[in-house]
Every structure is written in C-alpha cells, then in structure tokens.
Amino acid sequence: MKTPYCPLCSNPKSSHYFSDQFREYMHCPVCELVFTHPDSHLSRDEEFKRYEFHQNNLEDPRYRSFLQKMSAPMLNRIAANSDGLDFGSGPGPLLKHIFEEQGHTMSVYDTFYAPKQEVFKKSYAFITATEVVEHLHKPLVELDRLWSCLQPRGYLGVMTSLNLPELNFSTWHYIKDDTHVVFFAPQTMTWLANRWGAQLEFIGDSVVIFQKNNLVSS
C-alpha cells in the first residue's frame, strides 16, 4: 500500500499511526494531522447514505444546545448585522436560524444538501464550519477556499473534536464514524493559523476560532 501524502500540508513522509479492522490511520509529523488511508474512503453515495441517518431536528433543544458551543463564542465576537456563511450546514441549517434570530444574515453551503457554489463568490464577516472538517477528503483546498472568502478582521469558527494527547485513540468515538477521515490536533490548528497569519483561540476541546488580520489575503 503506497504511503499517501498528507491531505493538509502535502508532506510525503507520513507514517503509520493506528489500524483497526476497517482502516489504516496515518500521522503527519509536519502538521500533526491524523488521516485515514484514501483506499478506505467511502464513495460519495455511501457517504450520503450515512448522513441520511443523522437526526438534526431544528426543534430539538439538545441539538441547539450542542451548536451553542459554536454560536455563543462567535456571537460574542461579531459586530451587529454581520453577514456570515455556514459551511457544512446539513439538511437542517439550525445555525442559520440561531444567527438570524440575533439580527445577522447567513448563507449556507453543504456538498449534499445545499451545493450552491455561488456562495463562494461573496465575502463574509464570519464563517462557521461545525462538525464538518473531519469529513473533508481535501481539507486544505476547502479550508483555503473558506479563508479566501473571509473579510479582513473576520472570524472562521471550526468545531471538531480534537485529537488530544490524553485520549485513547483506539477507543475514541470519533473514529467509529467511517465518514470521518481527518483528525485535527491542536498543533494542526496552529499550523493552519501560521499558514494564514491568523490569530487563533481555542475554546474548550472542540472549538477553535481564527481571526483574519487586516492585511492578510488568502
């Protein structure tokens, strides 16, 4: 089996990290990303079937509470009447409703449920990517595209469970979902911040917020 390049930083010298009966996981020593070998990726149709099992009910108070991990810190940072984008909105775009309840406007994009490429022709004061980056087969392509859509001083919020040193990777619930193919460590987020020249803030163990500097482009 050929050693794959890191899908985030393109380092060709990733090494074996862990294997289970279904997948091999690789580790990149440059950006600290752990990723599954591409040979084990699901097809697009198989992915969609998995997502159809997700229950994201707009009326579910538990789902709203879960999303507050992202919405609360972002609402504390953005100016009134800001224009945002929710990347990976899913079939029930609750974040859009939460931000619009507070007077903001929000576009949505989802590769399966709202695949409108025109949203990437605009710029935004804030962008959210909640429980989606772990699904990306080409994370650098997608994240760089989001960063290019962000206005100066704008915020990009990413919510994903981080691969922390203290967790037992072999029993981690995050790897049990076979649509999850990339796993970010705190150092991976720092690598991204350095790439973009961004300010970075960790909020708990699953939310990071990047802020774009005035003079930074994509």
C-alpha atoms as a PDB file:
ATOM      1  CA  MET A   1       0.000   0.000   0.000  1.00  0.00           C
ATOM      2  CA  LYS A   2       1.543   3.280  -1.137  1.00  0.00           C
ATOM      3  CA  THR A   3       2.168   5.883   1.556  1.00  0.00           C
ATOM      4  CA  PRO A   4      -0.193   8.789   0.847  1.00  0.00           C
ATOM      5  CA  TYR A   5       0.716  12.449   1.028  1.00  0.00           C
ATOM      6  CA  CYS A   6      -0.779  14.392   3.916  1.00  0.00           C
ATOM      7  CA  PRO A   7      -4.070  15.852   2.615  1.00  0.00           C
ATOM      8  CA  LEU A   8      -3.486  19.050   4.575  1.00  0.00           C
ATOM      9  CA  CYS A   9       0.181  20.030   4.176  1.00  0.00           C
ATOM     10  CA  SER A  10       1.149  17.639   1.343  1.00  0.00           C
ATOM     11  CA  ASN A  11       4.048  16.170   3.302  1.00  0.00           C
ATOM     12  CA  PRO A  12       5.032  12.889   1.544  1.00  0.00           C
ATOM     13  CA  LYS A  13       6.510  11.266   4.642  1.00  0.00           C
ATOM     14  CA  SER A  14       3.566  10.414   6.843  1.00  0.00           C
ATOM     15  CA  SER A  15       3.831   7.286   8.969  1.00  0.00           C
ATOM     16  CA  HIS A  16       1.551   4.564  10.263  1.00  0.00           C
ATOM     17  CA  TYR A  17      -0.359   5.695  13.358  1.00  0.00           C
ATOM     18  CA  PHE A  18      -3.033   3.069  14.062  1.00  0.00           C
ATOM     19  CA  SER A  19      -5.061   0.357  12.346  1.00  0.00           C
ATOM     20  CA  ASP A  20      -8.394  -1.246  13.080  1.00  0.00           C
ATOM     21  CA  GLN A  21     -10.206  -3.930  11.141  1.00  0.00           C
ATOM     22  CA  PHE A  22     -11.549  -1.401   8.644  1.00  0.00           C
ATOM     23  CA  ARG A  23      -8.990   1.371   8.174  1.00  0.00           C
ATOM     24  CA  GLU A  24      -5.372   2.405   8.446  1.00  0.00           C
ATOM     25  CA  TYR A  25      -4.624   5.770  10.041  1.00  0.00           C
ATOM     26  CA  MET A  26      -1.587   7.830   9.093  1.00  0.00           C
ATOM     27  CA  HIS A  27       0.177  10.588  11.007  1.00  0.00           C
ATOM     28  CA  CYS A  28       1.855  13.641   9.523  1.00  0.00           C
ATOM     29  CA  PRO A  29       4.871  14.875  11.536  1.00  0.00           C
ATOM     30  CA  VAL A  30       4.696  18.332   9.943  1.00  0.00           C
ATOM     31  CA  CYS A  31       1.129  19.473  10.695  1.00  0.00           C
ATOM     32  CA  GLU A  32       0.224  16.662  13.170  1.00  0.00           C
ATOM     33  CA  LEU A  33      -2.871  15.663  11.218  1.00  0.00           C
ATOM     34  CA  VAL A  34      -4.011  12.068  11.550  1.00  0.00           C
ATOM     35  CA  PHE A  35      -5.844  10.833   8.480  1.00  0.00           C
ATOM     36  CA  THR A  36      -7.247   7.619   7.075  1.00  0.00           C
ATOM     37  CA  HIS A  37      -5.646   5.990   4.082  1.00  0.00           C
ATOM     38  CA  PRO A  38      -7.540   7.112   0.951  1.00  0.00           C
ATOM     39  CA  ASP A  39      -8.063   3.496  -0.092  1.00  0.00           C
ATOM     40  CA  SER A  40     -10.589   3.169   2.750  1.00  0.00           C
ATOM     41  CA  HIS A  41     -12.668   6.247   1.877  1.00  0.00           C
ATOM     42  CA  LEU A  42     -16.344   5.710   1.228  1.00  0.00           C
ATOM     43  CA  SER A  43     -17.807   6.578  -2.131  1.00  0.00           C
ATOM     44  CA  ARG A  44     -19.909   9.724  -2.356  1.00  0.00           C
ATOM     45  CA  ASP A  45     -23.097   7.657  -2.491  1.00  0.00           C
ATOM     46  CA  GLU A  46     -22.040   5.670   0.578  1.00  0.00           C
ATOM     47  CA  GLU A  47     -21.282   8.888   2.447  1.00  0.00           C
ATOM     48  CA  PHE A  48     -24.681  10.324   1.626  1.00  0.00           C
ATOM     49  CA  LYS A  49     -26.429   7.203   2.913  1.00  0.00           C
ATOM     50  CA  ARG A  50     -24.596   7.603   6.231  1.00  0.00           C
ATOM     51  CA  TYR A  51     -25.607  11.266   6.514  1.00  0.00           C
ATOM     52  CA  GLU A  52     -29.247  10.397   5.902  1.00  0.00           C
ATOM     53  CA  PHE A  53     -29.192   8.575   9.257  1.00  0.00           C
ATOM     54  CA  HIS A  54     -28.259  11.774  11.116  1.00  0.00           C
ATOM     55  CA  GLN A  55     -31.060  13.280  13.139  1.00  0.00           C
ATOM     56  CA  ASN A  56     -30.627  17.063  13.143  1.00  0.00           C
ATOM     57  CA  ASN A  57     -34.048  18.328  14.122  1.00  0.00           C
ATOM     58  CA  LEU A  58     -34.427  22.104  14.156  1.00  0.00           C
ATOM     59  CA  GLU A  59     -36.841  21.802  17.072  1.00  0.00           C
ATOM     60  CA  ASP A  60     -34.526  19.638  19.186  1.00  0.00           C
ATOM     61  CA  PRO A  61     -33.306  21.684  22.193  1.00  0.00           C
ATOM     62  CA  ARG A  62     -30.373  19.292  22.648  1.00  0.00           C
ATOM     63  CA  TYR A  63     -29.184  20.000  19.098  1.00  0.00           C
ATOM     64  CA  ARG A  64     -29.485  23.752  19.721  1.00  0.00           C
ATOM     65  CA  SER A  65     -27.514  23.389  22.952  1.00  0.00           C
ATOM     66  CA  PHE A  66     -24.847  21.415  21.112  1.00  0.00           C
ATOM     67  CA  LEU A  67     -24.482  24.124  18.468  1.00  0.00           C
ATOM     68  CA  GLN A  68     -24.153  26.793  21.132  1.00  0.00           C
ATOM     69  CA  LYS A  69     -20.565  25.655  21.559  1.00  0.00           C
ATOM     70  CA  MET A  70     -20.016  27.462  18.267  1.00  0.00           C
ATOM     71  CA  SER A  71     -22.741  30.083  18.196  1.00  0.00           C
ATOM     72  CA  ALA A  72     -22.128  31.573  21.654  1.00  0.00           C
ATOM     73  CA  PRO A  73     -18.424  32.480  21.231  1.00  0.00           C
ATOM     74  CA  MET A  74     -18.991  33.643  17.657  1.00  0.00           C
ATOM     75  CA  LEU A  75     -21.922  35.874  18.640  1.00  0.00           C
ATOM     76  CA  ASN A  76     -19.714  37.420  21.315  1.00  0.00           C
ATOM     77  CA  ARG A  77     -17.176  38.458  18.659  1.00  0.00           C
ATOM     78  CA  ILE A  78     -19.026  39.611  15.562  1.00  0.00           C
ATOM     79  CA  ALA A  79     -20.469  43.070  15.013  1.00  0.00           C
ATOM     80  CA  ALA A  80     -24.201  43.735  14.771  1.00  0.00           C
ATOM     81  CA  ASN A  81     -25.893  42.822  11.491  1.00  0.00           C
ATOM     82  CA  SER A  82     -22.975  40.767  10.230  1.00  0.00           C
ATOM     83  CA  ASP A  83     -23.112  38.612   7.106  1.00  0.00           C
ATOM     84  CA  GLY A  84     -21.974  35.009   7.571  1.00  0.00           C
ATOM     85  CA  LEU A  85     -21.680  31.623   5.922  1.00  0.00           C
ATOM     86  CA  ASP A  86     -22.358  28.226   7.468  1.00  0.00           C
ATOM     87  CA  PHE A  87     -20.187  25.668   5.663  1.00  0.00           C
ATOM     88  CA  GLY A  88     -21.488  22.116   6.004  1.00  0.00           C
ATOM     89  CA  SER A  89     -24.960  23.160   7.108  1.00  0.00           C
ATOM     90  CA  GLY A  90     -26.527  19.721   6.691  1.00  0.00           C
ATOM     91  CA  PRO A  91     -30.220  19.108   5.995  1.00  0.00           C
ATOM     92  CA  GLY A  92     -31.383  21.247   8.921  1.00  0.00           C
ATOM     93  CA  PRO A  93     -29.496  24.574   8.979  1.00  0.00           C
ATOM     94  CA  LEU A  94     -30.138  25.426  12.627  1.00  0.00           C
ATOM     95  CA  LEU A  95     -27.066  27.655  12.939  1.00  0.00           C
ATOM     96  CA  LYS A  96     -28.523  29.917  10.254  1.00  0.00           C
ATOM     97  CA  HIS A  97     -31.676  30.291  12.357  1.00  0.00           C
ATOM     98  CA  ILE A  98     -29.695  30.941  15.547  1.00  0.00           C
ATOM     99  CA  PHE A  99     -27.665  33.750  13.987  1.00  0.00           C
ATOM    100  CA  GLU A 100     -30.626  35.266  12.148  1.00  0.00           C
ATOM    101  CA  GLU A 101     -32.556  35.347  15.425  1.00  0.00           C
ATOM    102  CA  GLN A 102     -29.810  37.706  16.618  1.00  0.00           C
ATOM    103  CA  GLY A 103     -30.109  40.022  13.615  1.00  0.00           C
ATOM    104  CA  HIS A 104     -27.379  38.596  11.368  1.00  0.00           C
ATOM    105  CA  THR A 105     -27.723  37.195   7.865  1.00  0.00           C
ATOM    106  CA  MET A 106     -26.305  33.794   6.971  1.00  0.00           C
ATOM    107  CA  SER A 107     -25.832  31.883   3.741  1.00  0.00           C
ATOM    108  CA  VAL A 108     -25.422  28.111   3.823  1.00  0.00           C
ATOM    109  CA  TYR A 109     -23.399  25.570   1.880  1.00  0.00           C
ATOM    110  CA  ASP A 110     -23.431  21.806   2.040  1.00  0.00           C
ATOM    111  CA  THR A 111     -21.993  19.480  -0.578  1.00  0.00           C
ATOM    112  CA  PHE A 112     -25.099  17.271  -0.390  1.00  0.00           C
ATOM    113  CA  TYR A 113     -27.952  19.438   0.872  1.00  0.00           C
ATOM    114  CA  ALA A 114     -27.132  22.969  -0.327  1.00  0.00           C
ATOM    115  CA  PRO A 115     -24.461  22.709  -3.067  1.00  0.00           C
ATOM    116  CA  LYS A 116     -24.645  26.309  -4.252  1.00  0.00           C
ATOM    117  CA  GLN A 117     -21.194  27.315  -5.468  1.00  0.00           C
ATOM    118  CA  GLU A 118     -22.194  30.969  -5.778  1.00  0.00           C
ATOM    119  CA  VAL A 119     -21.804  31.404  -2.005  1.00  0.00           C
ATOM    120  CA  PHE A 120     -18.025  31.297  -2.542  1.00  0.00           C
ATOM    121  CA  LYS A 121     -18.155  34.391  -4.761  1.00  0.00           C
ATOM    122  CA  LYS A 122     -19.015  36.584  -1.769  1.00  0.00           C
ATOM    123  CA  SER A 123     -17.025  37.666   1.276  1.00  0.00           C
ATOM    124  CA  TYR A 124     -18.196  37.278   4.857  1.00  0.00           C
ATOM    125  CA  ALA A 125     -17.616  38.764   8.287  1.00  0.00           C
ATOM    126  CA  PHE A 126     -17.793  35.289   9.805  1.00  0.00           C
ATOM    127  CA  ILE A 127     -17.835  31.677   8.664  1.00  0.00           C
ATOM    128  CA  THR A 128     -18.737  28.600  10.682  1.00  0.00           C
ATOM    129  CA  ALA A 129     -17.694  25.014   9.959  1.00  0.00           C
ATOM    130  CA  THR A 130     -19.371  22.862  12.590  1.00  0.00           C
ATOM    131  CA  GLU A 131     -18.721  19.121  12.694  1.00  0.00           C
ATOM    132  CA  VAL A 132     -17.725  19.087   9.017  1.00  0.00           C
ATOM    133  CA  VAL A 133     -13.938  19.428   8.644  1.00  0.00           C
ATOM    134  CA  GLU A 134     -13.383  15.859   9.839  1.00  0.00           C
ATOM    135  CA  HIS A 135     -15.261  14.689   6.707  1.00  0.00           C
ATOM    136  CA  LEU A 136     -13.097  16.546   4.177  1.00  0.00           C
ATOM    137  CA  HIS A 137     -11.087  14.437   1.747  1.00  0.00           C
ATOM    138  CA  LYS A 138      -9.246  17.573   0.620  1.00  0.00           C
ATOM    139  CA  PRO A 139      -9.143  19.707   3.772  1.00  0.00           C
ATOM    140  CA  LEU A 140      -6.571  22.249   2.581  1.00  0.00           C
ATOM    141  CA  VAL A 141      -8.499  23.004  -0.605  1.00  0.00           C
ATOM    142  CA  GLU A 142     -11.731  23.573   1.293  1.00  0.00           C
ATOM    143  CA  LEU A 143     -10.248  25.476   4.221  1.00  0.00           C
ATOM    144  CA  ASP A 144      -8.183  27.751   1.990  1.00  0.00           C
ATOM    145  CA  ARG A 145     -11.318  28.475  -0.017  1.00  0.00           C
ATOM    146  CA  LEU A 146     -13.191  29.452   3.140  1.00  0.00           C
ATOM    147  CA  TRP A 147     -10.291  31.613   4.265  1.00  0.00           C
ATOM    148  CA  SER A 148     -10.291  33.437   0.907  1.00  0.00           C
ATOM    149  CA  CYS A 149     -13.988  34.277   1.443  1.00  0.00           C
ATOM    150  CA  LEU A 150     -13.352  35.865   4.825  1.00  0.00           C
ATOM    151  CA  GLN A 151     -13.219  39.639   5.151  1.00  0.00           C
ATOM    152  CA  PRO A 152     -10.278  41.341   6.906  1.00  0.00           C
ATOM    153  CA  ARG A 153     -10.732  41.010  10.689  1.00  0.00           C
ATOM    154  CA  GLY A 154     -13.342  38.335  10.014  1.00  0.00           C
ATOM    155  CA  TYR A 155     -13.715  35.123  12.010  1.00  0.00           C
ATOM    156  CA  LEU A 156     -13.607  31.492  10.941  1.00  0.00           C
ATOM    157  CA  GLY A 157     -15.005  29.145  13.583  1.00  0.00           C
ATOM    158  CA  VAL A 158     -14.234  25.439  13.350  1.00  0.00           C
ATOM    159  CA  MET A 159     -15.898  22.891  15.584  1.00  0.00           C
ATOM    160  CA  THR A 160     -14.437  19.384  15.586  1.00  0.00           C
ATOM    161  CA  SER A 161     -13.307  17.049  18.353  1.00  0.00           C
ATOM    162  CA  LEU A 162      -9.564  17.465  18.698  1.00  0.00           C
ATOM    163  CA  ASN A 163      -7.105  14.601  18.859  1.00  0.00           C
ATOM    164  CA  LEU A 164      -5.695  15.413  22.293  1.00  0.00           C
ATOM    165  CA  PRO A 165      -2.637  13.690  23.825  1.00  0.00           C
ATOM    166  CA  GLU A 166      -4.605  12.332  26.764  1.00  0.00           C
ATOM    167  CA  LEU A 167      -7.241  10.457  24.772  1.00  0.00           C
ATOM    168  CA  ASN A 168      -7.030   6.800  23.786  1.00  0.00           C
ATOM    169  CA  PHE A 169      -7.244   6.950  20.004  1.00  0.00           C
ATOM    170  CA  SER A 170      -8.157   3.270  19.648  1.00  0.00           C
ATOM    171  CA  THR A 171     -11.378   3.730  21.656  1.00  0.00           C
ATOM    172  CA  TRP A 172     -12.144   7.322  20.611  1.00  0.00           C
ATOM    173  CA  HIS A 173     -15.756   7.671  19.460  1.00  0.00           C
ATOM    174  CA  TYR A 174     -14.705   9.954  16.613  1.00  0.00           C
ATOM    175  CA  ILE A 175     -13.001   7.185  14.655  1.00  0.00           C
ATOM    176  CA  LYS A 176     -16.092   4.961  14.870  1.00  0.00           C
ATOM    177  CA  ASP A 177     -17.788   7.098  12.216  1.00  0.00           C
ATOM    178  CA  ASP A 178     -16.449   5.920   8.862  1.00  0.00           C
ATOM    179  CA  THR A 179     -17.252   9.273   7.237  1.00  0.00           C
ATOM    180  CA  HIS A 180     -14.622  10.873   9.482  1.00  0.00           C
ATOM    181  CA  VAL A 181     -11.341  10.811   7.566  1.00  0.00           C
ATOM    182  CA  VAL A 182      -9.158  13.575   9.068  1.00  0.00           C
ATOM    183  CA  PHE A 183      -8.474  14.250  12.740  1.00  0.00           C
ATOM    184  CA  PHE A 184      -7.046  17.566  13.857  1.00  0.00           C
ATOM    185  CA  ALA A 185      -4.710  18.021  16.801  1.00  0.00           C
ATOM    186  CA  PRO A 186      -4.272  21.407  18.497  1.00  0.00           C
ATOM    187  CA  GLN A 187      -0.917  21.624  16.687  1.00  0.00           C
ATOM    188  CA  THR A 188      -2.740  21.165  13.383  1.00  0.00           C
ATOM    189  CA  MET A 189      -4.844  24.228  14.102  1.00  0.00           C
ATOM    190  CA  THR A 190      -1.695  26.143  14.971  1.00  0.00           C
ATOM    191  CA  TRP A 191      -0.179  25.048  11.655  1.00  0.00           C
ATOM    192  CA  LEU A 192      -3.211  26.473   9.853  1.00  0.00           C
ATOM    193  CA  ALA A 193      -3.035  29.725  11.813  1.00  0.00           C
ATOM    194  CA  ASN A 194       0.619  30.091  10.872  1.00  0.00           C
ATOM    195  CA  ARG A 195      -0.160  29.372   7.223  1.00  0.00           C
ATOM    196  CA  TRP A 196      -2.789  32.096   7.176  1.00  0.00           C
ATOM    197  CA  GLY A 197      -1.064  34.559   9.507  1.00  0.00           C
ATOM    198  CA  ALA A 198      -4.165  34.341  11.682  1.00  0.00           C
ATOM    199  CA  GLN A 199      -4.896  34.871  15.329  1.00  0.00           C
ATOM    200  CA  LEU A 200      -6.061  31.638  16.929  1.00  0.00           C
ATOM    201  CA  GLU A 201      -8.141  30.952  20.011  1.00  0.00           C
ATOM    202  CA  PHE A 202      -9.092  27.560  21.455  1.00  0.00           C
ATOM    203  CA  ILE A 203     -12.470  27.372  23.165  1.00  0.00           C
ATOM    204  CA  GLY A 204     -12.790  24.126  25.079  1.00  0.00           C
ATOM    205  CA  ASP A 205     -11.578  20.959  23.385  1.00  0.00           C
ATOM    206  CA  SER A 206     -13.657  21.168  20.206  1.00  0.00           C
ATOM    207  CA  VAL A 207     -13.962  24.793  19.038  1.00  0.00           C
ATOM    208  CA  VAL A 208     -11.267  26.978  17.516  1.00  0.00           C
ATOM    209  CA  ILE A 209     -11.701  30.481  16.172  1.00  0.00           C
ATOM    210  CA  PHE A 210      -9.320  32.013  13.652  1.00  0.00           C
ATOM    211  CA  GLN A 211      -9.314  35.759  13.060  1.00  0.00           C
ATOM    212  CA  LYS A 212      -8.025  37.231   9.848  1.00  0.00           C
ATOM    213  CA  ASN A 213      -5.596  40.118  10.057  1.00  0.00           C
ATOM    214  CA  ASN A 214      -6.230  43.359   8.184  1.00  0.00           C
ATOM    215  CA  LEU A 215      -3.522  42.818   5.599  1.00  0.00           C
ATOM    216  CA  VAL A 216      -3.827  39.078   5.149  1.00  0.00           C
ATOM    217  CA  SER A 217      -5.297  37.676   1.941  1.00  0.00           C
ATOM    218  CA  SER A 218      -5.919  34.041   1.073  1.00  0.00           C
END
